[in-house]
Amino acid sequence: MAKLLTAIGMKRTILIGVKERQRNVYLSSRNLPGVTMRRSSDFNAYDILKHKDLLLTKDAVNEIVERKGGKSAQASAVAGT
């Protein structure tokens, strides 16, 4: 996990957002300083503002968009919009 985050240029505090708890992601990120993993349904303003970088899975982004009343990327692709 540390190599991946360094490779994509994330060197500061990082919030990793996933739709559902993923054991491997949790285990590989839990001991990294400045890295926090949360389910997107558990996000709050403090978590987002506290971290300098935000890394989200596609499913997490879709869940956030749907929860805020928008269409997910998957729904938009199906609808042809």
Protein backbone atom coordinates (compact mmCIF):
# COMPACT_ATOMS: atom_id res chain seq x y z
CA MET A 1 0.00 0.00 0.00
CA ALA A 2 2.82 2.42 0.88
CA LYS A 3 4.44 1.89 -2.55
CA LEU A 4 1.12 2.47 -4.32
CA LEU A 5 0.44 5.71 -2.48
CA THR A 6 3.96 6.96 -3.17
CA ALA A 7 3.71 5.95 -6.85
CA ILE A 8 0.57 8.04 -7.37
CA GLY A 9 2.12 11.01 -5.58
CA MET A 10 0.26 10.93 -2.28
CA LYS A 11 2.75 11.81 0.43
CA ARG A 12 0.64 13.82 2.85
CA THR A 13 -2.28 12.80 5.04
CA ILE A 14 -4.63 10.57 3.08
CA LEU A 15 -8.26 9.54 3.54
CA ILE A 16 -9.06 6.33 1.69
CA GLY A 17 -12.78 5.93 0.99
CA VAL A 18 -14.37 2.59 0.17
CA LYS A 19 -18.02 1.61 -0.18
CA GLU A 20 -17.70 -1.49 1.96
CA ARG A 21 -14.96 -2.43 4.39
CA GLN A 22 -12.26 -4.25 2.45
CA ARG A 23 -10.11 -6.36 4.72
CA ASN A 24 -6.95 -6.25 2.58
CA VAL A 25 -7.11 -2.46 2.18
CA TYR A 26 -7.67 -2.06 5.90
CA LEU A 27 -4.82 -4.37 6.87
CA SER A 28 -2.37 -2.79 4.45
CA SER A 29 -3.16 0.79 5.44
CA ARG A 30 -3.76 0.63 9.18
CA ASN A 31 -0.12 1.09 10.22
CA LEU A 32 0.78 3.80 7.72
CA PRO A 33 1.23 7.19 9.38
CA GLY A 34 -1.24 9.79 8.15
CA VAL A 35 -3.47 7.25 6.38
CA THR A 36 -7.09 6.72 7.44
CA MET A 37 -9.58 4.35 5.82
CA ARG A 38 -13.32 4.93 6.12
CA ARG A 39 -16.46 3.66 4.45
CA SER A 40 -17.94 6.44 2.35
CA SER A 41 -21.17 6.17 4.33
CA ASP A 42 -19.18 7.11 7.46
CA PHE A 43 -17.58 10.26 5.99
CA ASN A 44 -18.06 13.54 7.77
CA ALA A 45 -16.82 17.04 7.06
CA TYR A 46 -14.07 16.83 9.66
CA ASP A 47 -12.58 13.66 8.12
CA ILE A 48 -12.50 15.19 4.66
CA LEU A 49 -11.05 18.54 5.76
CA LYS A 50 -8.47 16.95 8.09
CA HIS A 51 -6.73 15.06 5.27
CA LYS A 52 -4.78 16.68 2.43
CA ASP A 53 -5.50 13.93 -0.11
CA LEU A 54 -8.62 11.87 -0.77
CA LEU A 55 -8.50 8.50 -2.53
CA LEU A 56 -11.91 6.96 -3.38
CA THR A 57 -12.94 3.76 -5.07
CA LYS A 58 -15.41 4.07 -7.93
CA ASP A 59 -18.11 2.43 -5.81
CA ALA A 60 -17.50 4.93 -3.01
CA VAL A 61 -17.91 7.86 -5.41
CA ASN A 62 -21.14 6.39 -6.79
CA GLU A 63 -22.51 5.89 -3.28
CA ILE A 64 -21.74 9.49 -2.31
CA VAL A 65 -23.36 10.84 -5.48
CA GLU A 66 -26.47 8.69 -5.03
CA ARG A 67 -26.77 9.66 -1.37
CA LYS A 68 -26.72 13.32 -2.33
CA GLY A 69 -29.53 12.79 -4.83
CA GLY A 70 -27.53 12.56 -8.05
CA LYS A 71 -27.10 9.80 -10.58
CA SER A 72 -24.20 7.41 -10.19
CA ALA A 73 -21.74 7.01 -13.04
CA GLN A 74 -23.09 3.51 -13.62
CA ALA A 75 -26.71 4.73 -13.78
CA SER A 76 -25.69 7.52 -16.17
CA ALA A 77 -23.94 5.06 -18.47
CA VAL A 78 -27.01 2.80 -18.56
CA ALA A 79 -29.34 5.75 -19.21
CA GLY A 80 -27.06 7.02 -21.98
CA THR A 81 -26.49 10.43 -20.41
